[in-house]
N, C-alpha and C. Protein backbone atom coordinates (compact mmCIF):
# COMPACT_ATOMS: atom_id res chain seq x y z
N UNK A 1 127.21 102.38 99.15
CA UNK A 1 126.29 101.66 99.98
C UNK A 1 125.74 102.43 101.06
N UNK A 2 126.37 103.45 101.32
CA UNK A 2 126.21 104.04 103.26
C UNK A 2 124.52 104.66 102.20
N UNK A 3 124.56 105.31 101.13
CA UNK A 3 123.36 105.76 100.74
C UNK A 3 121.59 105.14 100.79
N UNK A 4 122.16 103.60 100.37
CA UNK A 4 121.34 102.68 100.51
C UNK A 4 120.59 102.20 102.03
N UNK A 5 121.48 102.14 102.78
CA UNK A 5 121.24 101.89 104.40
C UNK A 5 120.68 102.96 105.09
N UNK A 6 121.39 104.36 104.18
CA UNK A 6 120.38 105.55 105.04
C UNK A 6 118.93 105.46 104.43
N UNK A 7 118.57 105.33 103.09
CA UNK A 7 117.68 105.49 102.58
C UNK A 7 116.46 104.45 103.11
N UNK A 8 117.13 102.98 103.45
CA UNK A 8 116.29 102.22 104.12
C UNK A 8 116.01 102.46 105.64
N UNK A 9 116.95 103.03 106.34
CA UNK A 9 116.75 103.66 107.38
C UNK A 9 115.63 104.89 107.55
N UNK A 10 115.89 105.72 106.83
CA UNK A 10 114.99 106.49 106.55
C UNK A 10 113.19 106.04 106.54
N UNK A 11 113.18 105.61 105.74
CA UNK A 11 111.85 104.43 105.54
C UNK A 11 111.69 104.12 106.44
N UNK A 12 111.92 103.28 107.37
CA UNK A 12 111.47 102.55 108.46
C UNK A 12 111.37 103.52 109.33
N UNK A 13 111.92 105.01 109.73
CA UNK A 13 111.50 106.02 110.55
C UNK A 13 109.90 106.54 110.15
N UNK A 14 110.25 106.78 108.97
CA UNK A 14 108.83 107.56 108.54
C UNK A 14 108.00 106.52 108.61
N UNK A 15 107.77 105.48 108.04
CA UNK A 15 106.47 104.69 108.03
C UNK A 15 106.13 104.10 109.82
N UNK A 16 106.99 103.82 110.52
CA UNK A 16 106.79 103.72 111.59
C UNK A 16 105.94 104.59 112.57
N UNK A 17 106.16 106.08 112.38
CA UNK A 17 105.86 106.91 113.69
C UNK A 17 104.35 107.56 113.25
N UNK A 18 103.56 106.62 112.04
CA UNK A 18 102.66 107.87 111.76
C UNK A 18 101.25 106.67 112.74
N UNK A 19 100.22 107.76 113.02
CA UNK A 19 99.09 107.01 113.65
C UNK A 19 98.29 106.35 112.78
N UNK A 20 97.90 105.28 113.60
CA UNK A 20 96.68 104.69 112.67
C UNK A 20 95.41 105.42 112.09
N UNK A 21 94.55 104.99 111.17
CA UNK A 21 93.73 105.45 110.98
C UNK A 21 92.65 104.60 110.59
N UNK A 22 91.19 104.91 111.06
CA UNK A 22 90.12 103.64 110.77
C UNK A 22 89.06 104.52 110.44
N UNK A 23 88.05 103.47 109.79
CA UNK A 23 86.72 104.71 109.74
C UNK A 23 86.11 104.49 110.89
N UNK A 24 85.19 105.67 111.02
CA UNK A 24 84.42 106.04 111.73
C UNK A 24 82.75 105.57 111.18
N UNK A 25 82.13 105.26 112.22
CA UNK A 25 80.81 104.62 111.37
C UNK A 25 80.01 104.19 112.60
N UNK A 26 78.89 105.47 112.67
CA UNK A 26 77.51 104.68 114.12
C UNK A 26 76.46 104.73 112.29
N UNK A 27 75.38 103.55 113.02
CA UNK A 27 74.54 103.36 111.90
C UNK A 27 73.50 105.06 111.95
N UNK A 28 73.46 104.78 110.71
CA UNK A 28 72.46 106.07 110.64
C UNK A 28 71.07 105.72 110.14
N UNK A 29 70.37 105.64 110.87
CA UNK A 29 68.61 105.34 110.63
C UNK A 29 68.10 106.28 109.40
N UNK A 30 68.12 107.18 109.27
CA UNK A 30 67.88 108.03 108.06
C UNK A 30 68.49 107.28 106.48
N UNK A 31 69.18 106.94 106.49
CA UNK A 31 70.26 106.35 105.27
C UNK A 31 70.32 104.97 105.47
N UNK A 32 70.20 104.31 106.41
CA UNK A 32 70.17 103.15 106.52
C UNK A 32 72.14 102.36 106.55
N UNK A 33 72.89 103.22 106.41
CA UNK A 33 74.09 102.85 106.40
C UNK A 33 74.89 103.32 107.02
N UNK A 34 76.48 103.45 107.16
CA UNK A 34 77.12 104.56 107.50
C UNK A 34 77.85 105.34 106.70
N UNK A 35 78.13 106.38 107.01
CA UNK A 35 78.81 107.83 106.18
C UNK A 35 80.34 107.61 106.13
N UNK A 36 80.97 106.76 106.53
CA UNK A 36 82.18 106.59 106.08
C UNK A 36 83.52 107.45 106.18
N UNK A 37 82.94 108.29 107.61
CA UNK A 37 84.02 108.93 107.47
C UNK A 37 85.51 108.42 108.46
N UNK A 38 86.54 109.10 108.12
CA UNK A 38 87.37 108.46 108.79
C UNK A 38 88.27 109.11 109.96
N UNK A 39 88.79 109.07 110.88
CA UNK A 39 89.57 108.86 111.87
C UNK A 39 91.33 108.96 112.46
N UNK A 40 91.81 109.60 112.67
CA UNK A 40 93.21 109.54 113.28
C UNK A 40 93.32 108.94 114.71
N UNK A 41 93.34 107.69 114.79
CA UNK A 41 93.48 107.27 116.23
C UNK A 41 94.07 107.98 117.40
N UNK A 42 93.63 108.36 118.39
CA UNK A 42 94.10 109.06 119.60
C UNK A 42 94.85 107.88 120.53
N UNK A 43 96.27 108.33 120.82
CA UNK A 43 96.81 107.81 122.04
C UNK A 43 95.96 106.76 122.37
N UNK A 44 96.43 105.38 122.35
CA UNK A 44 96.16 104.40 123.16
C UNK A 44 94.86 103.35 121.83
N UNK A 45 94.52 104.30 121.16
CA UNK A 45 93.67 103.61 119.93
C UNK A 45 94.44 102.67 119.23
N UNK A 46 94.97 101.43 119.31
CA UNK A 46 96.08 100.62 118.64
C UNK A 46 95.19 99.81 117.61
N UNK A 47 93.72 99.96 117.11
CA UNK A 47 93.37 99.07 116.50
C UNK A 47 92.21 99.62 115.79
N UNK A 48 92.17 99.23 114.60
CA UNK A 48 90.20 99.24 114.06
C UNK A 48 89.08 98.14 114.19
N UNK A 49 88.05 98.55 114.83
CA UNK A 49 87.06 97.92 114.96
C UNK A 49 85.66 97.80 114.21
N UNK A 50 85.25 96.74 113.99
CA UNK A 50 83.49 96.82 113.39
C UNK A 50 83.05 96.01 114.29
N UNK A 51 81.60 96.41 114.52
CA UNK A 51 80.67 95.73 115.14
C UNK A 51 79.66 95.56 114.42
N UNK A 52 79.11 94.47 114.21
CA UNK A 52 78.03 94.02 113.26
C UNK A 52 76.72 93.52 113.87
N UNK A 53 75.72 94.25 114.15
CA UNK A 53 74.63 93.54 114.91
C UNK A 53 73.31 93.14 113.88
N UNK A 54 73.16 91.92 113.71
CA UNK A 54 71.90 91.56 112.84
C UNK A 54 71.05 90.56 114.04
N UNK A 55 69.66 91.12 113.22
CA UNK A 55 68.52 90.74 114.20
C UNK A 55 67.48 90.64 113.18
N UNK A 56 66.26 89.53 113.54
CA UNK A 56 65.41 89.37 112.62
C UNK A 56 64.06 89.26 113.87
N UNK A 57 63.50 89.98 113.00
CA UNK A 57 62.20 90.29 113.89
C UNK A 57 60.69 89.87 112.95
N UNK A 58 60.25 88.79 113.17
CA UNK A 58 58.71 89.17 112.58
C UNK A 58 59.59 88.95 111.03
N UNK A 59 60.55 88.05 110.53
CA UNK A 59 60.67 87.75 109.33
C UNK A 59 61.67 88.82 108.69
N UNK A 60 61.33 89.88 109.31
CA UNK A 60 62.17 91.21 108.97
C UNK A 60 63.50 91.54 109.32
N UNK A 61 64.57 91.40 108.54
CA UNK A 61 66.02 91.16 109.26
C UNK A 61 66.77 92.63 109.23
N UNK A 62 67.43 92.58 110.09
CA UNK A 62 68.03 94.65 110.26
C UNK A 62 69.46 94.09 110.82
N UNK A 63 70.45 95.04 110.32
CA UNK A 63 71.43 94.83 110.41
C UNK A 63 71.83 96.15 110.90
N UNK A 64 73.15 96.36 111.92
CA UNK A 64 73.22 97.62 112.14
C UNK A 64 75.16 97.90 112.36
N UNK A 65 75.89 98.45 111.95
CA UNK A 65 76.98 98.37 111.95
C UNK A 65 77.59 99.62 112.79
N UNK A 66 78.82 99.55 113.30
CA UNK A 66 79.69 100.50 113.96
C UNK A 66 81.12 100.15 113.66
N UNK A 67 81.91 101.32 113.87
CA UNK A 67 83.32 101.07 113.41
C UNK A 67 83.90 102.15 113.80
N UNK A 68 85.24 102.11 114.60
CA UNK A 68 85.65 103.40 115.62
C UNK A 68 87.17 102.88 115.64
N UNK A 69 88.08 103.54 116.02
CA UNK A 69 89.51 103.15 116.90
C UNK A 69 89.07 102.56 117.97
N UNK A 70 90.07 101.48 118.65
CA UNK A 70 89.49 101.03 119.82
C UNK A 70 90.92 100.68 120.70
N UNK A 71 91.10 100.62 121.63
CA UNK A 71 92.14 100.37 122.50
C UNK A 71 92.39 98.95 122.54
N UNK A 72 91.41 98.46 122.87
CA UNK A 72 91.43 96.26 122.85
C UNK A 72 90.40 95.88 121.95
N UNK A 73 90.26 95.06 121.30
CA UNK A 73 89.68 93.99 120.50
C UNK A 73 89.63 92.93 120.54
N UNK A 74 88.54 92.12 120.75
CA UNK A 74 88.34 90.54 120.86
C UNK A 74 87.67 90.40 119.69
N UNK A 75 88.19 89.87 118.44
CA UNK A 75 87.28 89.62 117.42
C UNK A 75 86.30 88.02 117.88
N UNK A 76 85.33 87.88 117.41
CA UNK A 76 84.14 86.93 117.29
C UNK A 76 82.82 87.20 117.31
N UNK A 77 82.40 86.03 117.08
CA UNK A 77 80.64 86.38 116.76
C UNK A 77 80.31 85.55 118.17
N UNK A 78 79.14 86.40 118.57
CA UNK A 78 78.33 85.65 119.81
C UNK A 78 76.74 85.93 119.63
N UNK A 79 75.90 84.58 119.77
CA UNK A 79 74.54 84.80 119.44
C UNK A 79 74.02 85.25 120.98
N UNK A 80 72.78 86.15 120.35
CA UNK A 80 71.95 87.04 121.35
C UNK A 80 71.18 86.23 121.67
N UNK A 81 70.48 86.32 122.91
CA UNK A 81 69.40 85.33 123.62
C UNK A 81 68.07 85.54 122.94
N UNK A 82 68.03 86.78 121.97
CA UNK A 82 66.93 86.94 121.27
C UNK A 82 66.63 86.07 119.91
N UNK A 83 67.89 85.95 119.76
CA UNK A 83 68.21 85.14 118.40
C UNK A 83 69.10 85.82 117.49
N UNK A 84 69.29 87.23 117.42
CA UNK A 84 70.42 87.62 116.94
C UNK A 84 71.69 87.35 117.08
N UNK A 85 72.72 88.28 116.04
CA UNK A 85 74.03 87.98 116.57
C UNK A 85 74.75 89.19 116.62
N UNK A 86 76.11 89.22 117.20
CA UNK A 86 76.88 90.09 117.53
C UNK A 86 78.10 89.80 116.71
N UNK A 87 78.95 90.55 115.76
CA UNK A 87 80.11 90.04 115.32
C UNK A 87 81.35 91.43 115.15
N UNK A 88 82.41 91.25 116.00
CA UNK A 88 83.25 91.91 115.72
C UNK A 88 84.53 91.70 115.48
N UNK A 89 85.04 92.50 114.72
CA UNK A 89 86.42 92.14 113.71
C UNK A 89 87.17 93.37 114.04
N UNK A 90 88.50 92.84 114.35
CA UNK A 90 89.67 93.58 114.53
C UNK A 90 90.70 93.38 113.90
N UNK A 91 91.39 94.58 113.16
CA UNK A 91 92.60 95.09 112.18
C UNK A 91 93.43 95.95 112.75
N UNK A 92 94.58 96.01 112.37
CA UNK A 92 95.58 96.83 112.71
C UNK A 92 96.49 97.68 111.60
N UNK A 93 95.82 97.60 110.60
CA UNK A 93 96.48 98.57 109.64
C UNK A 93 95.24 99.68 109.08
N UNK A 94 96.10 100.96 108.25
CA UNK A 94 95.25 102.15 108.19
C UNK A 94 93.91 101.77 107.22
N UNK A 95 93.01 102.25 107.67
CA UNK A 95 91.43 102.05 107.09
C UNK A 95 91.19 100.54 106.78
N UNK A 96 91.55 99.78 108.00
CA UNK A 96 91.44 98.55 107.25
C UNK A 96 89.97 97.88 107.69
N UNK A 97 89.26 98.54 108.42
CA UNK A 97 87.92 98.31 108.93
C UNK A 97 86.82 98.80 108.29
N UNK A 98 87.40 98.97 106.58
CA UNK A 98 86.03 99.52 105.81
C UNK A 98 85.40 98.18 105.60
N UNK A 99 85.21 98.00 103.87
CA UNK A 99 84.48 97.11 103.63
C UNK A 99 84.88 95.36 103.81
N UNK A 100 84.15 94.33 103.99
CA UNK A 100 84.54 93.03 104.37
C UNK A 100 85.37 92.32 103.09
N UNK A 101 86.17 91.85 103.45
CA UNK A 101 87.08 90.94 102.44
C UNK A 101 88.29 91.76 102.12
N UNK A 102 88.44 93.32 102.17
CA UNK A 102 89.13 94.15 101.23
C UNK A 102 90.21 94.65 102.72
N UNK A 103 91.20 94.49 103.02
CA UNK A 103 92.22 95.33 103.69
C UNK A 103 93.00 96.08 102.94
N UNK A 104 93.00 97.39 103.61
CA UNK A 104 93.72 98.56 102.88
C UNK A 104 94.86 98.94 103.43
N UNK A 105 95.78 98.26 103.03
CA UNK A 105 97.03 98.66 103.48
C UNK A 105 97.88 99.62 103.41
N UNK A 106 98.61 100.06 103.96
CA UNK A 106 99.59 100.98 103.79
C UNK A 106 100.16 100.85 101.87
N UNK A 107 99.82 102.25 101.36
CA UNK A 107 100.46 102.51 99.87
C UNK A 107 102.05 102.32 99.86
N UNK A 108 102.79 102.78 100.86
CA UNK A 108 104.11 102.66 100.70
C UNK A 108 104.55 101.12 100.96
N UNK A 109 103.98 100.49 101.98
CA UNK A 109 104.11 98.89 102.15
C UNK A 109 103.84 98.44 100.33
N UNK A 110 102.73 98.64 99.65
CA UNK A 110 102.58 98.05 98.42
C UNK A 110 103.78 98.61 97.31
N UNK A 111 104.63 99.68 97.40
CA UNK A 111 105.42 100.02 96.71
C UNK A 111 106.83 99.92 97.10
N UNK A 112 107.16 98.89 98.34
CA UNK A 112 108.38 98.84 98.82
C UNK A 112 109.32 97.99 97.78
N UNK A 113 108.48 96.65 97.02
CA UNK A 113 109.42 96.05 96.52
C UNK A 113 109.48 96.56 95.17
N UNK A 114 108.72 97.43 94.91
CA UNK A 114 109.55 98.51 93.71
C UNK A 114 110.57 99.31 94.01
N UNK A 115 110.61 100.20 94.53
CA UNK A 115 111.24 101.22 95.18
C UNK A 115 112.46 99.80 95.63
N UNK A 116 112.70 99.06 95.98
CA UNK A 116 113.73 98.65 96.59
C UNK A 116 114.69 97.77 95.24
N UNK A 117 113.62 97.37 94.31
CA UNK A 117 114.08 96.60 92.94
C UNK A 117 115.09 98.17 92.17
N UNK A 118 114.61 99.34 92.42
CA UNK A 118 115.36 100.27 91.50
C UNK A 118 116.30 100.66 92.17
N UNK A 119 115.95 100.71 93.50
CA UNK A 119 117.83 101.26 94.29
C UNK A 119 118.44 100.60 94.50
N UNK A 120 118.40 99.26 94.38
CA UNK A 120 119.23 97.98 94.08
C UNK A 120 119.65 97.71 93.27
N UNK A 121 119.13 98.00 91.93
CA UNK A 121 119.97 98.15 90.52
C UNK A 121 120.38 99.03 89.77
């Protein structure tokens, strides 16, 4: 029983002390997209954020995306005076500000049920 408690406590300490990782992206006009690099958030960077600006000029639509670690993030969508929109998305798991609709959680979190099943049987 003591071994099980020790293993659980070890897992809690190992997973709780890591720094958040986010995608870092600024719009690249040459490629028309983000470059997809990652960064470890500095102290104070507690969330991953994505800002998507969409604008239409003379029936030509454009979209610009920026992603990074942020200390404070308020999600939502705002209309611009010229008809465009700015959407802000926030999340707090590793690399969660990647593609829309897919949150990439911790790999250890996904394996935890299997690990505990094996440990307890």
